[in-house]
PDB file of N, CA and C in Angstrom:
ATOM      1  N   UNK A   1       4.518  -8.276  12.866  1.00  0.00           N
ATOM      2  CA  UNK A   1       4.803  -7.225  13.815  1.00  0.00           C
ATOM      3  C   UNK A   1       5.927  -7.183  14.938  1.00  0.00           C
ATOM      4  N   UNK A   2       6.689  -6.126  14.548  1.00  0.00           N
ATOM      5  CA  UNK A   2       7.976  -6.020  15.393  1.00  0.00           C
ATOM      6  C   UNK A   2       7.803  -5.834  16.965  1.00  0.00           C
ATOM      7  N   UNK A   3       8.172  -6.618  18.065  1.00  0.00           N
ATOM      8  CA  UNK A   3       7.876  -6.753  19.663  1.00  0.00           C
ATOM      9  C   UNK A   3       8.050  -5.480  20.172  1.00  0.00           C
ATOM     10  N   UNK A   4       9.663  -4.669  19.398  1.00  0.00           N
ATOM     11  CA  UNK A   4      10.151  -3.574  20.279  1.00  0.00           C
ATOM     12  C   UNK A   4       9.567  -2.552  19.548  1.00  0.00           C
ATOM     13  N   UNK A   5       8.651  -2.658  18.788  1.00  0.00           N
ATOM     14  CA  UNK A   5       7.646  -1.603  18.488  1.00  0.00           C
ATOM     15  C   UNK A   5       6.226  -1.488  19.244  1.00  0.00           C
ATOM     16  N   UNK A   6       6.174  -2.128  20.202  1.00  0.00           N
ATOM     17  CA  UNK A   6       4.601  -2.053  20.420  1.00  0.00           C
ATOM     18  C   UNK A   6       4.337  -0.816  21.203  1.00  0.00           C
ATOM     19  N   UNK A   7       4.264   0.105  21.234  1.00  0.00           N
ATOM     20  CA  UNK A   7       3.974   1.356  21.681  1.00  0.00           C
ATOM     21  C   UNK A   7       3.538   1.938  20.420  1.00  0.00           C
ATOM     22  N   UNK A   8       4.109   1.280  19.588  1.00  0.00           N
ATOM     23  CA  UNK A   8       3.589   1.879  18.227  1.00  0.00           C
ATOM     24  C   UNK A   8       2.931   1.425  17.221  1.00  0.00           C
ATOM     25  N   UNK A   9       2.426   0.306  17.907  1.00  0.00           N
ATOM     26  CA  UNK A   9       1.290  -0.713  17.693  1.00  0.00           C
ATOM     27  C   UNK A   9      -0.067  -0.229  17.524  1.00  0.00           C
ATOM     28  N   UNK A  10      -0.902   0.503  16.464  1.00  0.00           N
ATOM     29  CA  UNK A  10      -2.109   0.581  17.426  1.00  0.00           C
ATOM     30  C   UNK A  10      -3.290  -0.343  16.151  1.00  0.00           C
ATOM     31  N   UNK A  11      -4.509  -0.594  16.851  1.00  0.00           N
ATOM     32  CA  UNK A  11      -5.397  -1.431  16.840  1.00  0.00           C
ATOM     33  C   UNK A  11      -5.748  -1.510  15.206  1.00  0.00           C
ATOM     34  N   UNK A  12      -6.270  -0.206  14.693  1.00  0.00           N
ATOM     35  CA  UNK A  12      -6.118  -0.082  13.292  1.00  0.00           C
ATOM     36  C   UNK A  12      -5.357  -0.541  12.525  1.00  0.00           C
ATOM     37  N   UNK A  13      -4.085  -0.450  12.838  1.00  0.00           N
ATOM     38  CA  UNK A  13      -3.005  -1.339  11.999  1.00  0.00           C
ATOM     39  C   UNK A  13      -3.662  -2.765  11.937  1.00  0.00           C
ATOM     40  N   UNK A  14      -4.233  -3.575  12.824  1.00  0.00           N
ATOM     41  CA  UNK A  14      -4.513  -5.199  12.799  1.00  0.00           C
ATOM     42  C   UNK A  14      -5.714  -5.403  11.765  1.00  0.00           C
ATOM     43  N   UNK A  15      -6.675  -4.561  12.184  1.00  0.00           N
ATOM     44  CA  UNK A  15      -7.862  -3.976  11.294  1.00  0.00           C
ATOM     45  C   UNK A  15      -7.539  -4.038  10.062  1.00  0.00           C
ATOM     46  N   UNK A  16      -6.746  -2.711   9.577  1.00  0.00           N
ATOM     47  CA  UNK A  16      -6.419  -2.643   7.974  1.00  0.00           C
ATOM     48  C   UNK A  16      -6.118  -4.396   7.510  1.00  0.00           C
ATOM     49  N   UNK A  17      -4.708  -4.476   8.402  1.00  0.00           N
ATOM     50  CA  UNK A  17      -4.096  -5.882   7.964  1.00  0.00           C
ATOM     51  C   UNK A  17      -5.109  -7.023   7.349  1.00  0.00           C
ATOM     52  N   UNK A  18      -6.433  -6.869   8.305  1.00  0.00           N
ATOM     53  CA  UNK A  18      -7.657  -7.991   8.018  1.00  0.00           C
ATOM     54  C   UNK A  18      -8.043  -7.560   6.927  1.00  0.00           C
ATOM     55  N   UNK A  19      -8.035  -6.132   6.428  1.00  0.00           N
ATOM     56  CA  UNK A  19      -9.524  -6.063   5.509  1.00  0.00           C
ATOM     57  C   UNK A  19      -8.174  -6.399   3.880  1.00  0.00           C
ATOM     58  N   UNK A  20      -6.782  -6.598   4.185  1.00  0.00           N
ATOM     59  CA  UNK A  20      -6.255  -6.610   2.587  1.00  0.00           C
ATOM     60  C   UNK A  20      -6.292  -7.917   2.741  1.00  0.00           C
ATOM     61  N   UNK A  21      -6.430  -8.224   0.784  1.00  0.00           N
ATOM     62  CA  UNK A  21      -5.718  -9.573   0.276  1.00  0.00           C
ATOM     63  C   UNK A  21      -4.190  -9.263   0.037  1.00  0.00           C
ATOM     64  N   UNK A  22      -4.007 -10.464  -0.291  1.00  0.00           N
ATOM     65  CA  UNK A  22      -2.464 -10.581   0.074  1.00  0.00           C
ATOM     66  C   UNK A  22      -1.676  -9.635  -1.639  1.00  0.00           C
ATOM     67  N   UNK A  23      -2.360  -9.506  -2.331  1.00  0.00           N
ATOM     68  CA  UNK A  23      -1.964  -8.534  -3.190  1.00  0.00           C
ATOM     69  C   UNK A  23      -1.625  -7.532  -3.053  1.00  0.00           C
ATOM     70  N   UNK A  24      -2.783  -6.766  -2.093  1.00  0.00           N
ATOM     71  CA  UNK A  24      -2.848  -5.175  -1.386  1.00  0.00           C
ATOM     72  C   UNK A  24      -1.544  -5.029  -0.517  1.00  0.00           C
ATOM     73  N   UNK A  25      -1.453  -6.711   0.070  1.00  0.00           N
ATOM     74  CA  UNK A  25       0.252  -6.171   0.610  1.00  0.00           C
ATOM     75  C   UNK A  25       1.221  -5.808   0.095  1.00  0.00           C
ATOM     76  N   UNK A  26       1.483  -7.005  -0.721  1.00  0.00           N
ATOM     77  CA  UNK A  26       2.839  -6.288  -1.616  1.00  0.00           C
ATOM     78  C   UNK A  26       2.527  -5.605  -2.126  1.00  0.00           C
ATOM     79  N   UNK A  27       1.572  -5.061  -2.651  1.00  0.00           N
ATOM     80  CA  UNK A  27       1.778  -3.501  -3.483  1.00  0.00           C
ATOM     81  C   UNK A  27       1.909  -2.615  -2.300  1.00  0.00           C
ATOM     82  N   UNK A  28       1.142  -2.596  -1.100  1.00  0.00           N
ATOM     83  CA  UNK A  28       1.639  -1.448  -0.208  1.00  0.00           C
ATOM     84  C   UNK A  28       3.106  -1.788   0.297  1.00  0.00           C
ATOM     85  N   UNK A  29       3.586  -2.953   0.200  1.00  0.00           N
ATOM     86  CA  UNK A  29       5.243  -2.948   0.847  1.00  0.00           C
ATOM     87  C   UNK A  29       6.011  -2.627  -0.057  1.00  0.00           C
ATOM     88  N   UNK A  30       5.663  -2.871  -1.821  1.00  0.00           N
ATOM     89  CA  UNK A  30       6.432  -2.297  -2.600  1.00  0.00           C
ATOM     90  C   UNK A  30       6.707  -0.419  -2.849  1.00  0.00           C
ATOM     91  N   UNK A  31       5.316  -0.495  -2.450  1.00  0.00           N
ATOM     92  CA  UNK A  31       5.223   1.292  -2.845  1.00  0.00           C
ATOM     93  C   UNK A  31       6.204   1.873  -1.507  1.00  0.00           C
ATOM     94  N   UNK A  32       6.518   1.248  -0.406  1.00  0.00           N
ATOM     95  CA  UNK A  32       7.034   2.111   0.806  1.00  0.00           C
ATOM     96  C   UNK A  32       8.783   1.043   0.837  1.00  0.00           C
ATOM     97  N   UNK A  33       8.962   0.489  -0.176  1.00  0.00           N
ATOM     98  CA  UNK A  33      10.348   0.079  -0.997  1.00  0.00           C
ATOM     99  C   UNK A  33      11.081   0.821  -2.144  1.00  0.00           C
ATOM    100  N   UNK A  34       9.960   0.977  -2.359  1.00  0.00           N
ATOM    101  CA  UNK A  34      10.486   1.959  -3.863  1.00  0.00           C
ATOM    102  C   UNK A  34      10.675   3.518  -3.883  1.00  0.00           C
ATOM    103  N   UNK A  35      12.006   4.214  -4.107  1.00  0.00           N
ATOM    104  CA  UNK A  35      11.886   5.521  -3.806  1.00  0.00           C
ATOM    105  C   UNK A  35      11.141   6.475  -5.118  1.00  0.00           C
ATOM    106  N   UNK A  36      10.637   7.198  -4.732  1.00  0.00           N
ATOM    107  CA  UNK A  36      10.233   7.875  -6.085  1.00  0.00           C
ATOM    108  C   UNK A  36       8.834   7.523  -6.625  1.00  0.00           C
ATOM    109  N   UNK A  37       8.608   8.321  -8.115  1.00  0.00           N
ATOM    110  CA  UNK A  37       7.622   7.423  -8.862  1.00  0.00           C
ATOM    111  C   UNK A  37       7.799   6.500  -9.435  1.00  0.00           C
ATOM    112  N   UNK A  38       7.118   5.581  -9.297  1.00  0.00           N
ATOM    113  CA  UNK A  38       6.974   4.360 -10.003  1.00  0.00           C
ATOM    114  C   UNK A  38       6.824   4.694 -11.652  1.00  0.00           C
ATOM    115  N   UNK A  39       7.866   4.231 -12.564  1.00  0.00           N
ATOM    116  CA  UNK A  39       7.309   4.389 -14.180  1.00  0.00           C
ATOM    117  C   UNK A  39       6.675   3.183 -14.726  1.00  0.00           C
ATOM    118  N   UNK A  40       6.111   3.618 -15.821  1.00  0.00           N
ATOM    119  CA  UNK A  40       5.564   4.557 -15.926  1.00  0.00           C
ATOM    120  C   UNK A  40       4.461   5.460 -15.094  1.00  0.00           C
ATOM    121  N   UNK A  41       3.788   4.625 -14.204  1.00  0.00           N
ATOM    122  CA  UNK A  41       2.682   5.087 -13.508  1.00  0.00           C
ATOM    123  C   UNK A  41       2.815   3.565 -12.622  1.00  0.00           C
ATOM    124  N   UNK A  42       2.242   3.813 -11.049  1.00  0.00           N
ATOM    125  CA  UNK A  42       2.273   2.792 -10.095  1.00  0.00           C
ATOM    126  C   UNK A  42       1.037   1.343 -10.818  1.00  0.00           C
ATOM    127  N   UNK A  43      -0.184   1.818 -11.825  1.00  0.00           N
ATOM    128  CA  UNK A  43      -1.041   1.038 -12.186  1.00  0.00           C
ATOM    129  C   UNK A  43       0.138   0.297 -13.013  1.00  0.00           C
ATOM    130  N   UNK A  44       0.443   1.120 -14.148  1.00  0.00           N
ATOM    131  CA  UNK A  44       1.310  -0.143 -15.158  1.00  0.00           C
ATOM    132  C   UNK A  44       2.264  -0.931 -14.622  1.00  0.00           C
ATOM    133  N   UNK A  45       3.588   0.178 -13.492  1.00  0.00           N
ATOM    134  CA  UNK A  45       4.569  -1.115 -13.230  1.00  0.00           C
ATOM    135  C   UNK A  45       4.077  -2.097 -12.142  1.00  0.00           C
ATOM    136  N   UNK A  46       2.736  -2.291 -11.508  1.00  0.00           N
ATOM    137  CA  UNK A  46       2.335  -3.373 -11.099  1.00  0.00           C
ATOM    138  C   UNK A  46       1.950  -4.305 -11.627  1.00  0.00           C
ATOM    139  N   UNK A  47       0.810  -4.003 -12.931  1.00  0.00           N
ATOM    140  CA  UNK A  47       0.801  -4.825 -13.818  1.00  0.00           C
ATOM    141  C   UNK A  47       1.788  -5.478 -14.523  1.00  0.00           C
ATOM    142  N   UNK A  48       2.812  -4.957 -14.969  1.00  0.00           N
ATOM    143  CA  UNK A  48       4.095  -5.760 -15.315  1.00  0.00           C
ATOM    144  C   UNK A  48       4.799  -5.949 -14.341  1.00  0.00           C
ATOM    145  N   UNK A  49       4.763  -6.050 -13.106  1.00  0.00           N
ATOM    146  CA  UNK A  49       5.931  -6.005 -12.095  1.00  0.00           C
ATOM    147  C   UNK A  49       5.142  -7.763 -11.677  1.00  0.00           C
ATOM    148  N   UNK A  50       3.988  -7.722 -11.303  1.00  0.00           N
ATOM    149  CA  UNK A  50       3.195  -9.014 -10.784  1.00  0.00           C
ATOM    150  C   UNK A  50       2.564  -9.372 -11.649  1.00  0.00           C
ATOM    151  N   UNK A  51       2.491  -9.144 -12.727  1.00  0.00           N
ATOM    152  CA  UNK A  51       1.311  -9.778 -14.091  1.00  0.00           C
ATOM    153  C   UNK A  51      -0.004 -10.467 -13.952  1.00  0.00           C
ATOM    154  N   UNK A  52      -0.351  -8.934 -13.319  1.00  0.00           N
ATOM    155  CA  UNK A  52      -1.423  -9.016 -13.182  1.00  0.00           C
ATOM    156  C   UNK A  52      -2.617  -8.141 -13.988  1.00  0.00           C
ATOM    157  N   UNK A  53      -3.457  -7.895 -14.280  1.00  0.00           N
ATOM    158  CA  UNK A  53      -4.453  -7.345 -15.064  1.00  0.00           C
ATOM    159  C   UNK A  53      -4.745  -5.919 -14.524  1.00  0.00           C
ATOM    160  N   UNK A  54      -4.984  -5.084 -15.122  1.00  0.00           N
ATOM    161  CA  UNK A  54      -4.915  -3.728 -15.027  1.00  0.00           C
ATOM    162  C   UNK A  54      -6.393  -3.198 -13.611  1.00  0.00           C
ATOM    163  N   UNK A  55      -7.550  -4.380 -13.939  1.00  0.00           N
ATOM    164  CA  UNK A  55      -8.517  -4.208 -12.965  1.00  0.00           C
ATOM    165  C   UNK A  55      -8.003  -4.791 -11.625  1.00  0.00           C
ATOM    166  N   UNK A  56      -7.020  -5.493 -11.890  1.00  0.00           N
ATOM    167  CA  UNK A  56      -6.580  -6.466 -10.259  1.00  0.00           C
ATOM    168  C   UNK A  56      -5.859  -4.981  -9.738  1.00  0.00           C
ATOM    169  N   UNK A  57      -5.223  -4.440 -10.278  1.00  0.00           N
ATOM    170  CA  UNK A  57      -4.009  -3.880  -9.229  1.00  0.00           C
ATOM    171  C   UNK A  57      -4.930  -2.356  -9.153  1.00  0.00           C
ATOM    172  N   UNK A  58      -6.378  -1.934 -10.040  1.00  0.00           N
ATOM    173  CA  UNK A  58      -6.786  -0.574  -9.449  1.00  0.00           C
ATOM    174  C   UNK A  58      -7.523  -1.123  -8.752  1.00  0.00           C
ATOM    175  N   UNK A  59      -8.177  -2.360  -8.521  1.00  0.00           N
ATOM    176  CA  UNK A  59      -8.893  -3.113  -7.356  1.00  0.00           C
ATOM    177  C   UNK A  59      -8.194  -2.761  -5.982  1.00  0.00           C
ATOM    178  N   UNK A  60      -6.842  -2.829  -6.246  1.00  0.00           N
ATOM    179  CA  UNK A  60      -5.645  -3.127  -4.844  1.00  0.00           C
ATOM    180  C   UNK A  60      -5.952  -1.521  -4.445  1.00  0.00           C
ATOM    181  N   UNK A  61      -5.565  -1.076  -5.659  1.00  0.00           N
ATOM    182  CA  UNK A  61      -5.249   0.379  -4.967  1.00  0.00           C
ATOM    183  C   UNK A  61      -6.446   0.959  -4.220  1.00  0.00           C
ATOM    184  N   UNK A  62      -7.337   0.884  -5.228  1.00  0.00           N
ATOM    185  CA  UNK A  62      -8.532   1.264  -4.644  1.00  0.00           C
ATOM    186  C   UNK A  62      -8.858   1.100  -2.938  1.00  0.00           C
ATOM    187  N   UNK A  63      -8.539  -0.468  -2.414  1.00  0.00           N
ATOM    188  CA  UNK A  63      -8.773  -0.752  -1.166  1.00  0.00           C
ATOM    189  C   UNK A  63      -7.791  -0.365  -0.667  1.00  0.00           C
ATOM    190  N   UNK A  64      -6.704   0.352  -1.064  1.00  0.00           N
ATOM    191  CA  UNK A  64      -5.535   0.602  -0.007  1.00  0.00           C
ATOM    192  C   UNK A  64      -5.610   2.466   0.234  1.00  0.00           C
ATOM    193  N   UNK A  65      -6.458   2.715  -0.623  1.00  0.00           N
ATOM    194  CA  UNK A  65      -7.229   4.059  -0.662  1.00  0.00           C
ATOM    195  C   UNK A  65      -8.025   4.191   0.351  1.00  0.00           C
ATOM    196  N   UNK A  66      -8.956   2.984   0.240  1.00  0.00           N
ATOM    197  CA  UNK A  66     -10.194   3.018   1.471  1.00  0.00           C
ATOM    198  C   UNK A  66      -9.522   2.932   2.833  1.00  0.00           C
ATOM    199  N   UNK A  67      -8.684   2.228   2.973  1.00  0.00           N
ATOM    200  CA  UNK A  67      -8.364   2.006   4.095  1.00  0.00           C
ATOM    201  C   UNK A  67      -6.919   2.835   4.812  1.00  0.00           C
ATOM    202  N   UNK A  68      -6.733   4.281   3.678  1.00  0.00           N
ATOM    203  CA  UNK A  68      -6.076   5.107   4.318  1.00  0.00           C
ATOM    204  C   UNK A  68      -4.598   4.750   4.219  1.00  0.00           C
ATOM    205  N   UNK A  69      -4.464   3.799   3.653  1.00  0.00           N
ATOM    206  CA  UNK A  69      -2.663   3.854   3.577  1.00  0.00           C
ATOM    207  C   UNK A  69      -1.968   4.599   2.193  1.00  0.00           C
ATOM    208  N   UNK A  70      -3.279   4.507   1.400  1.00  0.00           N
ATOM    209  CA  UNK A  70      -2.497   5.881  -0.034  1.00  0.00           C
ATOM    210  C   UNK A  70      -3.627   6.373  -0.311  1.00  0.00           C
ATOM    211  N   UNK A  71      -2.898   7.597  -0.715  1.00  0.00           N
ATOM    212  CA  UNK A  71      -3.910   8.807  -1.431  1.00  0.00           C
ATOM    213  C   UNK A  71      -3.403   9.154  -2.815  1.00  0.00           C
ATOM    214  N   UNK A  72      -4.638   9.780  -3.276  1.00  0.00           N
ATOM    215  CA  UNK A  72      -3.903   9.995  -4.606  1.00  0.00           C
ATOM    216  C   UNK A  72      -4.639  11.824  -4.568  1.00  0.00           C
ATOM    217  N   UNK A  73      -4.256  12.178  -5.790  1.00  0.00           N
ATOM    218  CA  UNK A  73      -4.505  13.072  -6.645  1.00  0.00           C
ATOM    219  C   UNK A  73      -5.814  13.093  -7.194  1.00  0.00           C
ATOM    220  N   UNK A  74      -6.846  14.173  -7.399  1.00  0.00           N
ATOM    221  CA  UNK A  74      -8.258  13.905  -7.806  1.00  0.00           C
ATOM    222  C   UNK A  74      -8.085  13.569  -9.386  1.00  0.00           C
ATOM    223  N   UNK A  75      -8.857  12.356  -9.491  1.00  0.00           N
ATOM    224  CA  UNK A  75      -8.770  11.747 -10.843  1.00  0.00           C
ATOM    225  C   UNK A  75      -7.531  11.363 -11.458  1.00  0.00           C
ATOM    226  N   UNK A  76      -6.428  10.554 -10.199  1.00  0.00           N
ATOM    227  CA  UNK A  76      -5.248  10.275 -10.503  1.00  0.00           C
ATOM    228  C   UNK A  76      -4.989   9.206  -9.751  1.00  0.00           C
ATOM    229  N   UNK A  77      -5.705   8.155  -9.483  1.00  0.00           N
ATOM    230  CA  UNK A  77      -5.845   6.931  -9.041  1.00  0.00           C
ATOM    231  C   UNK A  77      -4.157   6.182  -9.313  1.00  0.00           C
ATOM    232  N   UNK A  78      -4.072   6.414 -10.459  1.00  0.00           N
ATOM    233  CA  UNK A  78      -2.850   5.501 -11.121  1.00  0.00           C
ATOM    234  C   UNK A  78      -1.419   6.042 -10.518  1.00  0.00           C
ATOM    235  N   UNK A  79      -1.625   6.832 -10.419  1.00  0.00           N
ATOM    236  CA  UNK A  79      -0.176   7.358  -9.150  1.00  0.00           C
ATOM    237  C   UNK A  79      -0.691   8.114  -7.774  1.00  0.00           C
ATOM    238  N   UNK A  80      -1.026   6.743  -7.373  1.00  0.00           N
ATOM    239  CA  UNK A  80      -0.890   7.325  -5.139  1.00  0.00           C
ATOM    240  C   UNK A  80       0.187   7.238  -4.562  1.00  0.00           C
ATOM    241  N   UNK A  81       0.127   7.816  -3.606  1.00  0.00           N
ATOM    242  CA  UNK A  81       1.550   7.819  -2.735  1.00  0.00           C
ATOM    243  C   UNK A  81       1.041   7.647  -1.343  1.00  0.00           C
ATOM    244  N   UNK A  82       2.115   7.059  -0.593  1.00  0.00           N
ATOM    245  CA  UNK A  82       1.551   6.776   0.845  1.00  0.00           C
ATOM    246  C   UNK A  82       1.547   7.720   1.627  1.00  0.00           C
ATOM    247  N   UNK A  83       0.327   7.467   2.682  1.00  0.00           N
ATOM    248  CA  UNK A  83       0.167   8.630   3.608  1.00  0.00           C
ATOM    249  C   UNK A  83       0.823   8.432   4.746  1.00  0.00           C
ATOM    250  N   UNK A  84       0.816   9.314   5.872  1.00  0.00           N
ATOM    251  CA  UNK A  84       1.538   9.061   7.046  1.00  0.00           C
ATOM    252  C   UNK A  84       0.651   7.859   7.723  1.00  0.00           C
ATOM    253  N   UNK A  85      -0.220   7.327   7.859  1.00  0.00           N
ATOM    254  CA  UNK A  85      -0.796   6.151   8.178  1.00  0.00           C
ATOM    255  C   UNK A  85      -0.245   5.046   7.316  1.00  0.00           C
ATOM    256  N   UNK A  86       0.343   4.804   6.357  1.00  0.00           N
ATOM    257  CA  UNK A  86       0.771   4.023   5.418  1.00  0.00           C
ATOM    258  C   UNK A  86       2.089   3.475   5.765  1.00  0.00           C
ATOM    259  N   UNK A  87       2.838   4.675   5.993  1.00  0.00           N
ATOM    260  CA  UNK A  87       4.111   4.265   6.423  1.00  0.00           C
ATOM    261  C   UNK A  87       4.312   3.943   7.624  1.00  0.00           C
ATOM    262  N   UNK A  88       3.407   4.640   8.727  1.00  0.00           N
ATOM    263  CA  UNK A  88       3.584   4.010   9.954  1.00  0.00           C
ATOM    264  C   UNK A  88       3.301   2.265  10.348  1.00  0.00           C
ATOM    265  N   UNK A  89       2.152   1.884   9.183  1.00  0.00           N
ATOM    266  CA  UNK A  89       1.674   0.770   8.789  1.00  0.00           C
ATOM    267  C   UNK A  89       2.861   0.085   8.678  1.00  0.00           C
ATOM    268  N   UNK A  90       3.422   0.374   7.866  1.00  0.00           N
ATOM    269  CA  UNK A  90       4.557  -0.107   7.206  1.00  0.00           C
ATOM    270  C   UNK A  90       5.845  -0.499   8.330  1.00  0.00           C
ATOM    271  N   UNK A  91       6.126   0.249   9.227  1.00  0.00           N
ATOM    272  CA  UNK A  91       7.343   0.856   9.965  1.00  0.00           C
ATOM    273  C   UNK A  91       6.740  -0.432  10.681  1.00  0.00           C
ATOM    274  N   UNK A  92       5.308  -0.310  11.502  1.00  0.00           N
ATOM    275  CA  UNK A  92       4.699  -1.383  12.432  1.00  0.00           C
ATOM    276  C   UNK A  92       4.914  -2.810  12.024  1.00  0.00           C
ATOM    277  N   UNK A  93       5.408  -3.030  10.779  1.00  0.00           N
ATOM    278  CA  UNK A  93       5.535  -4.622  10.339  1.00  0.00           C
ATOM    279  C   UNK A  93       7.022  -4.820   9.741  1.00  0.00           C
ATOM    280  N   UNK A  94       7.419  -3.852  10.264  1.00  0.00           N
ATOM    281  CA  UNK A  94       9.313  -4.380   9.621  1.00  0.00           C
ATOM    282  C   UNK A  94       9.660  -5.386  10.645  1.00  0.00           C
ATOM    283  N   UNK A  95      10.282  -6.594  10.070  1.00  0.00           N
ATOM    284  CA  UNK A  95      10.813  -7.361  11.039  1.00  0.00           C
ATOM    285  C   UNK A  95      12.027  -6.434  11.693  1.00  0.00           C
TER     286      UNK A  95
END
């Protein structure tokens, strides 16, 4: 966490980070770094770039949705997007 942003630090951020698997954190970080939609979709993008199973990607995406870092349209978990909470969490964690 960046000490200069201590006013922006929410206790919830710490609790969220405790709940994340390292893979979840990597996916969240990449979601914040990569502009626009991931091609062909987030599920397949992370499956290929992280060289993990489809189920592993979906478990991470579900965890990030449950932690309010990502959201998705109904029946469209393969194309999630960052929530305001997720963006603020990423800002608080930037060096």
